[in-house]
Amino acid sequence: QRQMCIRDSNLPYAKSLIETPVFSHEGGFYQQAFDLVISHPDPTVSIYYTLDGSEPTGESIRYTKPLRIKSRAGEPNDLSMIPVPDFWEEPKEEVFKGLVVRAIAVSSQGVASNIQTRSFFLDEAGSERYSLPVISITTARDNFFDPQMGIYTEQNASERGLQWERPAYLEFYEPDGSLGFAQGVGVRTHGEWTRRFAQKSLR
């Protein structure tokens, strides 16, 4: 019988029977491209990963060689082009983009590890690009933008309660680029009338 662990990842109560994959680089700011190696102490497991923020499963991309982590400069805007309620304007220039890698290990018996998540930001200025802390919130696209379940959409932004909380992974980077903390979280929209703003408050 196929067994799987608790879905997410990085939540403190999640338990798994096998270790999580090991990344060769920590998340954060880098000035030059590099190859990300994902490994595991047990050579018999298979590693699967995603690059779109979704939780990897045994049906995701199988890891077979290092992933090239590089600047995303020149890529077209995507999420920032999704119209949301009042005060939204189409970006007038290219939006800076990071790259998120999420990975799991799956044993030959079908037991999955917890999820390992890392956000990478490639820019010539490195951590000096910003003078304030940087927060990376990783979640599946549909959790924010799906018409039926997305909490960032016009029809759902005012919804409240646990049923409108979505699972995510949060990384907090200090102004010097060092990682302050990282953990699994639940995310909801927050506020009253400000829920209609293009950039919404989250809790």
N, C-alpha and C. Protein backbone atom coordinates (compact mmCIF):
# COMPACT_ATOMS: atom_id res chain seq x y z
N GLN A 1 0.85 -1.19 0.00
CA GLN A 1 0.00 0.00 0.00
C GLN A 1 0.88 1.24 0.00
N ARG A 2 0.54 2.19 -0.87
CA ARG A 2 1.34 3.41 -0.99
C ARG A 2 1.13 4.29 0.23
N GLN A 3 2.22 4.81 0.78
CA GLN A 3 2.14 5.69 1.93
C GLN A 3 2.75 7.04 1.59
N MET A 4 2.16 8.09 2.08
CA MET A 4 2.70 9.43 1.90
C MET A 4 2.68 10.14 3.25
N CYS A 5 3.60 11.06 3.45
CA CYS A 5 3.64 11.80 4.72
C CYS A 5 2.68 12.96 4.64
N ILE A 6 2.54 13.69 5.74
CA ILE A 6 1.75 14.91 5.77
C ILE A 6 2.25 15.83 4.67
N ARG A 7 1.36 16.45 3.91
CA ARG A 7 1.74 17.17 2.71
C ARG A 7 2.81 18.20 2.94
N ASP A 8 2.61 19.14 3.80
CA ASP A 8 3.59 20.20 3.76
C ASP A 8 4.71 19.94 4.73
N SER A 9 5.61 19.61 4.31
CA SER A 9 6.78 20.35 4.15
C SER A 9 7.28 20.77 5.47
N ASN A 10 7.23 21.94 5.60
CA ASN A 10 8.03 22.66 6.52
C ASN A 10 7.21 23.02 7.75
N LEU A 11 6.00 22.52 7.89
CA LEU A 11 5.22 22.80 9.08
C LEU A 11 5.82 22.05 10.27
N PRO A 12 5.82 22.67 11.46
CA PRO A 12 6.52 22.08 12.59
C PRO A 12 5.97 20.74 13.04
N TYR A 13 4.68 20.46 12.75
CA TYR A 13 4.11 19.20 13.20
C TYR A 13 4.25 18.09 12.16
N ALA A 14 4.80 18.41 10.98
CA ALA A 14 4.90 17.40 9.94
C ALA A 14 5.91 16.32 10.32
N LYS A 15 5.57 15.08 10.07
CA LYS A 15 6.46 13.95 10.37
C LYS A 15 6.65 13.11 9.11
N SER A 16 7.83 12.60 8.91
CA SER A 16 8.12 11.75 7.78
C SER A 16 9.09 10.66 8.21
N LEU A 17 9.08 9.55 7.47
CA LEU A 17 9.94 8.44 7.81
C LEU A 17 11.30 8.53 7.13
N ILE A 18 11.45 9.43 6.16
CA ILE A 18 12.73 9.56 5.48
C ILE A 18 13.18 11.02 5.50
N GLU A 19 14.47 11.22 5.33
CA GLU A 19 15.04 12.57 5.41
C GLU A 19 14.68 13.40 4.19
N THR A 20 14.72 14.72 4.36
CA THR A 20 14.45 15.62 3.25
C THR A 20 15.67 15.71 2.34
N PRO A 21 15.49 16.10 1.08
CA PRO A 21 16.63 16.29 0.18
C PRO A 21 17.54 17.40 0.69
N VAL A 22 18.80 17.35 0.28
CA VAL A 22 19.80 18.34 0.69
C VAL A 22 20.15 19.22 -0.51
N PHE A 23 20.08 20.54 -0.31
CA PHE A 23 20.43 21.49 -1.37
C PHE A 23 21.89 21.93 -1.19
N SER A 24 22.59 22.08 -2.28
CA SER A 24 23.99 22.49 -2.22
C SER A 24 24.15 23.97 -1.87
N HIS A 25 23.10 24.77 -2.05
CA HIS A 25 23.15 26.20 -1.77
C HIS A 25 21.95 26.59 -0.91
N GLU A 26 22.17 27.52 0.01
CA GLU A 26 21.08 28.09 0.79
C GLU A 26 20.31 29.08 -0.07
N GLY A 27 19.07 29.34 0.31
CA GLY A 27 18.30 30.36 -0.40
C GLY A 27 18.86 31.74 -0.12
N GLY A 28 18.47 32.71 -0.94
CA GLY A 28 18.92 34.08 -0.71
C GLY A 28 19.40 34.76 -1.97
N PHE A 29 20.27 35.73 -1.79
CA PHE A 29 20.73 36.59 -2.88
C PHE A 29 22.09 36.15 -3.41
N TYR A 30 22.18 36.09 -4.73
CA TYR A 30 23.43 35.71 -5.39
C TYR A 30 23.68 36.67 -6.55
N GLN A 31 24.96 36.92 -6.82
CA GLN A 31 25.33 37.82 -7.90
C GLN A 31 25.62 37.09 -9.20
N GLN A 32 25.95 35.80 -9.12
CA GLN A 32 26.28 35.03 -10.31
C GLN A 32 25.48 33.74 -10.35
N ALA A 33 25.24 33.26 -11.57
CA ALA A 33 24.51 32.01 -11.75
C ALA A 33 25.33 30.84 -11.20
N PHE A 34 24.64 29.76 -10.83
CA PHE A 34 25.32 28.57 -10.31
C PHE A 34 24.46 27.35 -10.56
N ASP A 35 25.05 26.18 -10.39
CA ASP A 35 24.33 24.92 -10.53
C ASP A 35 23.91 24.43 -9.14
N LEU A 36 22.62 24.23 -8.95
CA LEU A 36 22.08 23.74 -7.69
C LEU A 36 22.05 22.21 -7.72
N VAL A 37 22.76 21.60 -6.80
CA VAL A 37 22.76 20.14 -6.69
C VAL A 37 21.82 19.72 -5.57
N ILE A 38 20.93 18.81 -5.86
CA ILE A 38 20.00 18.27 -4.86
C ILE A 38 20.39 16.82 -4.62
N SER A 39 20.66 16.47 -3.39
CA SER A 39 21.13 15.11 -3.08
C SER A 39 20.34 14.52 -1.92
N HIS A 40 20.64 13.27 -1.61
CA HIS A 40 19.99 12.58 -0.50
C HIS A 40 20.94 11.51 0.04
N PRO A 41 20.99 11.33 1.36
CA PRO A 41 21.91 10.32 1.92
C PRO A 41 21.58 8.90 1.50
N ASP A 42 20.35 8.64 1.10
CA ASP A 42 19.95 7.31 0.64
C ASP A 42 19.94 7.30 -0.89
N PRO A 43 20.87 6.62 -1.53
CA PRO A 43 20.94 6.64 -2.99
C PRO A 43 19.79 5.91 -3.68
N THR A 44 18.97 5.20 -2.93
CA THR A 44 17.88 4.44 -3.55
C THR A 44 16.61 5.27 -3.73
N VAL A 45 16.54 6.46 -3.11
CA VAL A 45 15.33 7.27 -3.22
C VAL A 45 15.34 8.02 -4.55
N SER A 46 14.16 8.49 -4.94
CA SER A 46 14.02 9.37 -6.10
C SER A 46 13.67 10.76 -5.60
N ILE A 47 14.21 11.77 -6.27
CA ILE A 47 13.95 13.16 -5.88
C ILE A 47 13.09 13.80 -6.96
N TYR A 48 12.06 14.51 -6.53
CA TYR A 48 11.16 15.23 -7.45
C TYR A 48 11.10 16.69 -7.03
N TYR A 49 10.91 17.58 -8.01
CA TYR A 49 10.94 19.00 -7.69
C TYR A 49 9.95 19.80 -8.53
N THR A 50 9.65 21.00 -8.07
CA THR A 50 8.84 21.96 -8.82
C THR A 50 9.55 23.30 -8.83
N LEU A 51 9.20 24.12 -9.82
CA LEU A 51 9.74 25.47 -9.95
C LEU A 51 8.63 26.52 -9.97
N ASP A 52 7.39 26.10 -9.75
CA ASP A 52 6.26 27.02 -9.83
C ASP A 52 5.62 27.31 -8.48
N GLY A 53 6.25 26.90 -7.39
CA GLY A 53 5.72 27.16 -6.06
C GLY A 53 4.80 26.08 -5.53
N SER A 54 4.36 25.18 -6.38
CA SER A 54 3.46 24.11 -5.94
C SER A 54 4.23 23.05 -5.15
N GLU A 55 3.50 22.25 -4.37
CA GLU A 55 4.12 21.20 -3.58
C GLU A 55 4.48 20.03 -4.50
N PRO A 56 5.72 19.59 -4.49
CA PRO A 56 6.11 18.47 -5.35
C PRO A 56 5.51 17.15 -4.87
N THR A 57 5.26 16.27 -5.80
CA THR A 57 4.78 14.92 -5.53
C THR A 57 5.57 13.94 -6.40
N GLY A 58 5.22 12.69 -6.32
CA GLY A 58 5.86 11.70 -7.16
C GLY A 58 5.52 11.85 -8.63
N GLU A 59 4.59 12.78 -8.94
CA GLU A 59 4.22 13.06 -10.33
C GLU A 59 4.92 14.31 -10.85
N SER A 60 5.72 14.96 -10.02
CA SER A 60 6.43 16.17 -10.45
C SER A 60 7.66 15.81 -11.27
N ILE A 61 8.47 16.82 -11.62
CA ILE A 61 9.66 16.59 -12.41
C ILE A 61 10.67 15.78 -11.59
N ARG A 62 11.20 14.73 -12.18
CA ARG A 62 12.20 13.93 -11.47
C ARG A 62 13.57 14.59 -11.63
N TYR A 63 14.28 14.70 -10.52
CA TYR A 63 15.60 15.32 -10.54
C TYR A 63 16.62 14.32 -11.08
N THR A 64 17.34 14.72 -12.14
CA THR A 64 18.35 13.84 -12.73
C THR A 64 19.69 14.54 -12.90
N LYS A 65 19.71 15.87 -12.86
CA LYS A 65 20.96 16.61 -13.02
C LYS A 65 20.83 17.96 -12.33
N PRO A 66 21.96 18.64 -12.05
CA PRO A 66 21.90 19.94 -11.36
C PRO A 66 21.01 20.94 -12.10
N LEU A 67 20.37 21.80 -11.31
CA LEU A 67 19.50 22.84 -11.86
C LEU A 67 20.29 24.14 -11.98
N ARG A 68 20.22 24.77 -13.13
CA ARG A 68 20.92 26.03 -13.33
C ARG A 68 20.09 27.16 -12.72
N ILE A 69 20.65 27.80 -11.72
CA ILE A 69 19.99 28.93 -11.07
C ILE A 69 20.61 30.21 -11.65
N LYS A 70 19.82 30.99 -12.33
CA LYS A 70 20.34 32.16 -13.01
C LYS A 70 19.33 33.31 -12.95
N SER A 71 19.77 34.47 -13.36
CA SER A 71 18.89 35.64 -13.39
C SER A 71 17.71 35.39 -14.31
N ARG A 72 16.56 35.90 -13.93
CA ARG A 72 15.37 35.78 -14.76
C ARG A 72 15.09 37.06 -15.53
N ALA A 73 16.07 37.92 -15.58
CA ALA A 73 15.94 39.16 -16.34
C ALA A 73 15.60 38.84 -17.79
N GLY A 74 14.64 39.55 -18.34
CA GLY A 74 14.21 39.33 -19.70
C GLY A 74 12.98 38.46 -19.83
N GLU A 75 12.61 37.75 -18.76
CA GLU A 75 11.39 36.94 -18.81
C GLU A 75 10.16 37.84 -18.72
N PRO A 76 9.11 37.53 -19.44
CA PRO A 76 7.91 38.38 -19.40
C PRO A 76 7.25 38.36 -18.03
N ASN A 77 6.59 39.46 -17.69
CA ASN A 77 5.83 39.53 -16.44
C ASN A 77 4.68 38.52 -16.50
N ASP A 78 4.36 37.94 -15.35
CA ASP A 78 3.31 36.92 -15.30
C ASP A 78 2.28 37.25 -14.23
N LEU A 79 2.58 36.93 -12.98
CA LEU A 79 1.61 37.16 -11.90
C LEU A 79 1.23 38.63 -11.78
N SER A 80 2.18 39.52 -12.03
CA SER A 80 1.90 40.95 -11.90
C SER A 80 0.96 41.45 -12.99
N MET A 81 0.70 40.62 -14.00
CA MET A 81 -0.21 41.00 -15.09
C MET A 81 -1.64 40.55 -14.83
N ILE A 82 -1.88 39.87 -13.73
CA ILE A 82 -3.25 39.42 -13.41
C ILE A 82 -4.01 40.58 -12.78
N PRO A 83 -5.05 41.10 -13.43
CA PRO A 83 -5.79 42.23 -12.85
C PRO A 83 -6.47 41.82 -11.55
N VAL A 84 -6.35 42.66 -10.54
CA VAL A 84 -7.07 42.49 -9.28
C VAL A 84 -7.90 43.75 -9.09
N PRO A 85 -8.74 43.81 -8.04
CA PRO A 85 -9.68 44.93 -7.92
C PRO A 85 -9.04 46.32 -7.95
N ASP A 86 -9.66 47.27 -7.31
CA ASP A 86 -9.34 48.69 -7.43
C ASP A 86 -7.85 49.00 -7.36
N PHE A 87 -7.46 50.03 -8.07
CA PHE A 87 -6.12 50.61 -8.03
C PHE A 87 -5.05 49.75 -8.71
N TRP A 88 -5.45 48.73 -9.46
CA TRP A 88 -4.47 47.94 -10.17
C TRP A 88 -4.06 48.64 -11.45
N GLU A 89 -2.76 48.64 -11.73
CA GLU A 89 -2.24 49.15 -12.99
C GLU A 89 -1.25 48.15 -13.55
N GLU A 90 -1.27 48.00 -14.86
CA GLU A 90 -0.30 47.12 -15.49
C GLU A 90 1.11 47.65 -15.27
N PRO A 91 2.05 46.79 -14.88
CA PRO A 91 3.42 47.26 -14.67
C PRO A 91 3.97 47.95 -15.91
N LYS A 92 4.65 49.05 -15.72
CA LYS A 92 5.19 49.82 -16.85
C LYS A 92 6.55 49.31 -17.29
N GLU A 93 7.13 48.41 -16.51
CA GLU A 93 8.44 47.86 -16.86
C GLU A 93 8.52 46.43 -16.35
N GLU A 94 9.62 45.79 -16.65
CA GLU A 94 9.81 44.41 -16.22
C GLU A 94 9.93 44.32 -14.71
N VAL A 95 9.21 43.36 -14.12
CA VAL A 95 9.24 43.14 -12.68
C VAL A 95 10.37 42.17 -12.34
N PHE A 96 11.13 42.49 -11.30
CA PHE A 96 12.21 41.61 -10.84
C PHE A 96 11.62 40.30 -10.31
N LYS A 97 12.22 39.19 -10.67
CA LYS A 97 11.67 37.88 -10.32
C LYS A 97 12.71 37.00 -9.64
N GLY A 98 12.25 36.24 -8.66
CA GLY A 98 13.08 35.24 -8.02
C GLY A 98 12.78 33.88 -8.59
N LEU A 99 13.46 32.87 -8.08
CA LEU A 99 13.24 31.49 -8.51
C LEU A 99 13.11 30.62 -7.26
N VAL A 100 12.03 29.85 -7.19
CA VAL A 100 11.78 28.99 -6.04
C VAL A 100 11.92 27.52 -6.46
N VAL A 101 12.68 26.76 -5.68
CA VAL A 101 12.83 25.33 -5.92
C VAL A 101 12.27 24.60 -4.70
N ARG A 102 11.36 23.65 -4.95
CA ARG A 102 10.80 22.82 -3.88
C ARG A 102 11.06 21.36 -4.25
N ALA A 103 11.49 20.56 -3.30
CA ALA A 103 11.86 19.18 -3.62
C ALA A 103 11.46 18.22 -2.51
N ILE A 104 11.16 16.98 -2.90
CA ILE A 104 10.91 15.90 -1.96
C ILE A 104 11.69 14.66 -2.39
N ALA A 105 11.90 13.77 -1.45
CA ALA A 105 12.47 12.46 -1.74
C ALA A 105 11.37 11.42 -1.56
N VAL A 106 11.33 10.44 -2.44
CA VAL A 106 10.33 9.37 -2.36
C VAL A 106 11.06 8.04 -2.40
N SER A 107 10.79 7.20 -1.39
CA SER A 107 11.45 5.89 -1.32
C SER A 107 10.83 4.91 -2.30
N SER A 108 11.46 3.78 -2.46
CA SER A 108 10.95 2.75 -3.37
C SER A 108 9.61 2.19 -2.88
N GLN A 109 9.32 2.38 -1.58
CA GLN A 109 8.02 1.95 -1.03
C GLN A 109 6.94 3.02 -1.17
N GLY A 110 7.30 4.16 -1.75
CA GLY A 110 6.32 5.23 -1.95
C GLY A 110 6.18 6.18 -0.79
N VAL A 111 7.10 6.12 0.19
CA VAL A 111 7.05 7.04 1.33
C VAL A 111 7.78 8.32 0.95
N ALA A 112 7.12 9.46 1.17
CA ALA A 112 7.69 10.75 0.77
C ALA A 112 8.26 11.49 1.97
N SER A 113 9.30 12.24 1.75
CA SER A 113 9.88 13.09 2.79
C SER A 113 9.07 14.36 2.92
N ASN A 114 9.41 15.18 3.91
CA ASN A 114 8.88 16.53 3.96
C ASN A 114 9.47 17.32 2.80
N ILE A 115 8.90 18.48 2.54
CA ILE A 115 9.32 19.30 1.40
C ILE A 115 10.44 20.25 1.81
N GLN A 116 11.44 20.34 0.96
CA GLN A 116 12.51 21.31 1.13
C GLN A 116 12.25 22.48 0.17
N THR A 117 12.28 23.71 0.68
CA THR A 117 11.97 24.89 -0.13
C THR A 117 13.08 25.92 -0.03
N ARG A 118 13.49 26.48 -1.18
CA ARG A 118 14.50 27.53 -1.20
C ARG A 118 14.11 28.57 -2.26
N SER A 119 14.26 29.85 -1.91
CA SER A 119 14.05 30.95 -2.85
C SER A 119 15.40 31.56 -3.20
N PHE A 120 15.61 31.81 -4.49
CA PHE A 120 16.87 32.37 -4.96
C PHE A 120 16.62 33.65 -5.73
N PHE A 121 17.47 34.66 -5.48
CA PHE A 121 17.35 35.95 -6.16
C PHE A 121 18.70 36.28 -6.79
N LEU A 122 18.73 36.37 -8.11
CA LEU A 122 19.97 36.62 -8.84
C LEU A 122 19.98 38.05 -9.37
N ASP A 123 20.98 38.82 -8.93
CA ASP A 123 21.09 40.22 -9.37
C ASP A 123 22.53 40.67 -9.15
N GLU A 124 23.02 41.55 -10.01
CA GLU A 124 24.40 42.02 -9.89
C GLU A 124 24.66 42.68 -8.54
N ALA A 125 23.62 43.29 -7.96
CA ALA A 125 23.79 43.98 -6.68
C ALA A 125 23.72 43.03 -5.50
N GLY A 126 23.31 41.80 -5.72
CA GLY A 126 23.19 40.85 -4.63
C GLY A 126 22.23 41.34 -3.57
N SER A 127 22.58 41.16 -2.31
CA SER A 127 21.71 41.57 -1.21
C SER A 127 21.59 43.08 -1.08
N GLU A 128 22.46 43.83 -1.77
CA GLU A 128 22.39 45.28 -1.72
C GLU A 128 21.30 45.85 -2.63
N ARG A 129 20.63 44.99 -3.34
CA ARG A 129 19.54 45.45 -4.20
C ARG A 129 18.46 46.15 -3.38
N TYR A 130 18.22 45.66 -2.16
CA TYR A 130 17.19 46.22 -1.30
C TYR A 130 17.79 46.65 0.03
N SER A 131 17.22 47.71 0.61
CA SER A 131 17.69 48.19 1.92
C SER A 131 16.78 47.75 3.05
N LEU A 132 15.68 47.10 2.71
CA LEU A 132 14.72 46.61 3.71
C LEU A 132 14.73 45.09 3.70
N PRO A 133 14.19 44.46 4.74
CA PRO A 133 14.06 43.00 4.71
C PRO A 133 13.22 42.54 3.52
N VAL A 134 13.47 41.35 3.05
CA VAL A 134 12.74 40.77 1.93
C VAL A 134 12.02 39.52 2.42
N ILE A 135 10.74 39.41 2.10
CA ILE A 135 9.95 38.25 2.47
C ILE A 135 9.56 37.50 1.21
N SER A 136 9.85 36.21 1.18
CA SER A 136 9.43 35.36 0.08
C SER A 136 8.32 34.44 0.58
N ILE A 137 7.16 34.51 -0.07
CA ILE A 137 6.02 33.66 0.26
C ILE A 137 5.81 32.69 -0.90
N THR A 138 5.99 31.42 -0.63
CA THR A 138 5.87 30.40 -1.67
C THR A 138 4.59 29.61 -1.48
N THR A 139 3.80 29.52 -2.54
CA THR A 139 2.58 28.72 -2.52
C THR A 139 2.19 28.41 -3.95
N ALA A 140 1.27 27.48 -4.13
CA ALA A 140 0.79 27.16 -5.47
C ALA A 140 0.03 28.35 -6.04
N ARG A 141 0.16 28.57 -7.32
CA ARG A 141 -0.48 29.70 -8.00
C ARG A 141 -1.98 29.78 -7.71
N ASP A 142 -2.65 28.63 -7.76
CA ASP A 142 -4.11 28.63 -7.57
C ASP A 142 -4.52 29.12 -6.19
N ASN A 143 -3.66 28.97 -5.19
CA ASN A 143 -4.02 29.42 -3.84
C ASN A 143 -4.28 30.92 -3.78
N PHE A 144 -3.68 31.67 -4.70
CA PHE A 144 -3.88 33.12 -4.73
C PHE A 144 -4.77 33.55 -5.89
N PHE A 145 -4.65 32.89 -7.06
CA PHE A 145 -5.24 33.47 -8.26
C PHE A 145 -6.31 32.62 -8.95
N ASP A 146 -6.62 31.45 -8.44
CA ASP A 146 -7.69 30.66 -9.04
C ASP A 146 -9.04 31.34 -8.78
N PRO A 147 -9.91 31.44 -9.79
CA PRO A 147 -11.19 32.14 -9.60
C PRO A 147 -12.05 31.56 -8.48
N GLN A 148 -11.99 30.25 -8.26
CA GLN A 148 -12.83 29.64 -7.24
C GLN A 148 -12.17 29.65 -5.86
N MET A 149 -10.87 29.39 -5.77
CA MET A 149 -10.24 29.21 -4.46
C MET A 149 -9.18 30.26 -4.13
N GLY A 150 -8.79 31.07 -5.08
CA GLY A 150 -7.71 32.02 -4.86
C GLY A 150 -8.11 33.17 -3.94
N ILE A 151 -7.29 33.46 -2.93
CA ILE A 151 -7.64 34.49 -1.94
C ILE A 151 -7.28 35.90 -2.40
N TYR A 152 -6.61 36.02 -3.55
CA TYR A 152 -6.19 37.34 -4.02
C TYR A 152 -7.13 37.88 -5.10
N THR A 153 -8.13 37.10 -5.49
CA THR A 153 -9.02 37.51 -6.57
C THR A 153 -10.12 38.44 -6.08
N GLU A 154 -10.72 39.15 -7.03
CA GLU A 154 -11.77 40.12 -6.68
C GLU A 154 -12.93 39.47 -5.95
N GLN A 155 -13.34 38.30 -6.42
CA GLN A 155 -14.52 37.65 -5.83
C GLN A 155 -14.25 37.02 -4.48
N ASN A 156 -12.98 36.78 -4.14
CA ASN A 156 -12.67 36.07 -2.89
C ASN A 156 -11.90 36.87 -1.87
N ALA A 157 -11.39 38.04 -2.23
CA ALA A 157 -10.50 38.79 -1.35
C ALA A 157 -11.16 39.18 -0.02
N SER A 158 -12.47 39.27 0.00
CA SER A 158 -13.17 39.68 1.23
C SER A 158 -13.59 38.50 2.09
N GLU A 159 -13.33 37.29 1.62
CA GLU A 159 -13.72 36.10 2.38
C GLU A 159 -12.86 35.97 3.64
N ARG A 160 -13.46 35.38 4.69
CA ARG A 160 -12.77 35.26 5.98
C ARG A 160 -12.91 33.85 6.53
N GLY A 161 -12.11 33.55 7.54
CA GLY A 161 -12.22 32.27 8.22
C GLY A 161 -11.18 31.27 7.76
N LEU A 162 -11.09 30.19 8.54
CA LEU A 162 -10.07 29.17 8.30
C LEU A 162 -10.20 28.55 6.91
N GLN A 163 -11.42 28.47 6.38
CA GLN A 163 -11.60 27.86 5.07
C GLN A 163 -10.97 28.69 3.96
N TRP A 164 -10.62 29.96 4.27
CA TRP A 164 -9.98 30.82 3.28
C TRP A 164 -8.52 31.08 3.64
N GLU A 165 -7.94 30.18 4.41
CA GLU A 165 -6.51 30.22 4.69
C GLU A 165 -5.82 29.24 3.75
N ARG A 166 -4.67 29.65 3.21
CA ARG A 166 -3.97 28.81 2.25
C ARG A 166 -2.56 28.47 2.77
N PRO A 167 -2.09 27.24 2.54
CA PRO A 167 -0.75 26.85 3.01
C PRO A 167 0.34 27.52 2.19
N ALA A 168 1.40 27.91 2.85
CA ALA A 168 2.52 28.56 2.17
C ALA A 168 3.80 28.31 2.96
N TYR A 169 4.91 28.74 2.38
CA TYR A 169 6.20 28.67 3.06
C TYR A 169 6.81 30.06 3.01
N LEU A 170 7.25 30.55 4.18
CA LEU A 170 7.73 31.92 4.28
C LEU A 170 9.21 31.94 4.64
N GLU A 171 9.98 32.75 3.89
CA GLU A 171 11.39 33.00 4.20
C GLU A 171 11.57 34.50 4.45
N PHE A 172 12.22 34.85 5.54
CA PHE A 172 12.44 36.25 5.92
C PHE A 172 13.94 36.53 5.84
N TYR A 173 14.34 37.41 4.91
CA TYR A 173 15.74 37.75 4.73
C TYR A 173 16.02 39.15 5.29
N GLU A 174 17.03 39.22 6.13
CA GLU A 174 17.44 40.48 6.73
C GLU A 174 18.01 41.42 5.66
N PRO A 175 18.14 42.73 5.96
CA PRO A 175 18.68 43.67 4.96
C PRO A 175 20.06 43.29 4.45
N ASP A 176 20.85 42.55 5.23
CA ASP A 176 22.17 42.14 4.76
C ASP A 176 22.13 40.85 3.94
N GLY A 177 20.92 40.33 3.71
CA GLY A 177 20.76 39.13 2.90
C GLY A 177 20.75 37.84 3.68
N SER A 178 21.06 37.88 4.97
CA SER A 178 21.06 36.65 5.78
C SER A 178 19.62 36.22 6.08
N LEU A 179 19.44 34.91 6.26
CA LEU A 179 18.11 34.38 6.55
C LEU A 179 17.77 34.60 8.02
N GLY A 180 16.69 35.33 8.27
CA GLY A 180 16.22 35.55 9.64
C GLY A 180 15.49 34.32 10.15
N PHE A 181 14.52 33.83 9.39
CA PHE A 181 13.82 32.60 9.73
C PHE A 181 13.08 32.10 8.50
N ALA A 182 12.66 30.85 8.55
CA ALA A 182 11.87 30.25 7.47
C ALA A 182 10.99 29.19 8.08
N GLN A 183 9.73 29.13 7.67
CA GLN A 183 8.82 28.14 8.23
C GLN A 183 7.55 28.04 7.39
N GLY A 184 6.82 26.93 7.58
CA GLY A 184 5.52 26.78 6.97
C GLY A 184 4.52 27.69 7.66
N VAL A 185 3.60 28.27 6.90
CA VAL A 185 2.62 29.20 7.45
C VAL A 185 1.27 28.97 6.79
N GLY A 186 0.24 29.56 7.38
CA GLY A 186 -1.06 29.68 6.75
C GLY A 186 -1.27 31.14 6.42
N VAL A 187 -1.78 31.43 5.23
CA VAL A 187 -1.93 32.82 4.76
C VAL A 187 -3.38 33.14 4.49
N ARG A 188 -3.82 34.31 4.98
CA ARG A 188 -5.15 34.83 4.66
C ARG A 188 -5.02 36.31 4.27
N THR A 189 -6.00 36.82 3.53
CA THR A 189 -6.03 38.26 3.31
C THR A 189 -6.48 38.92 4.62
N HIS A 190 -6.13 40.19 4.78
CA HIS A 190 -6.35 40.88 6.05
C HIS A 190 -6.85 42.30 5.79
N GLY A 191 -7.64 42.82 6.71
CA GLY A 191 -8.08 44.20 6.61
C GLY A 191 -9.57 44.31 6.33
N GLU A 192 -9.99 45.53 6.10
CA GLU A 192 -11.41 45.80 5.79
C GLU A 192 -11.52 46.22 4.32
N TRP A 193 -11.69 47.51 4.09
CA TRP A 193 -11.83 48.00 2.71
C TRP A 193 -10.53 47.83 1.92
N THR A 194 -9.40 47.77 2.63
CA THR A 194 -8.11 47.65 1.94
C THR A 194 -7.96 46.32 1.22
N ARG A 195 -8.85 45.37 1.47
CA ARG A 195 -8.81 44.10 0.74
C ARG A 195 -8.99 44.32 -0.77
N ARG A 196 -9.51 45.49 -1.15
CA ARG A 196 -9.71 45.78 -2.57
C ARG A 196 -8.46 46.37 -3.21
N PHE A 197 -7.45 46.69 -2.41
CA PHE A 197 -6.23 47.23 -2.98
C PHE A 197 -5.54 46.18 -3.86
N ALA A 198 -4.80 46.65 -4.84
CA ALA A 198 -4.06 45.73 -5.70
C ALA A 198 -3.02 44.97 -4.89
N GLN A 199 -2.32 45.64 -3.98
CA GLN A 199 -1.39 44.99 -3.07
C GLN A 199 -2.10 44.85 -1.72
N LYS A 200 -2.42 43.62 -1.38
CA LYS A 200 -3.26 43.39 -0.20
C LYS A 200 -2.43 43.09 1.05
N SER A 201 -3.03 43.39 2.18
CA SER A 201 -2.42 42.98 3.44
C SER A 201 -2.65 41.49 3.64
N LEU A 202 -1.66 40.82 4.17
CA LEU A 202 -1.76 39.38 4.44
C LEU A 202 -1.45 39.12 5.90
N ARG A 203 -2.03 38.06 6.41
CA ARG A 203 -1.65 37.61 7.76
C ARG A 203 -1.47 36.10 7.75
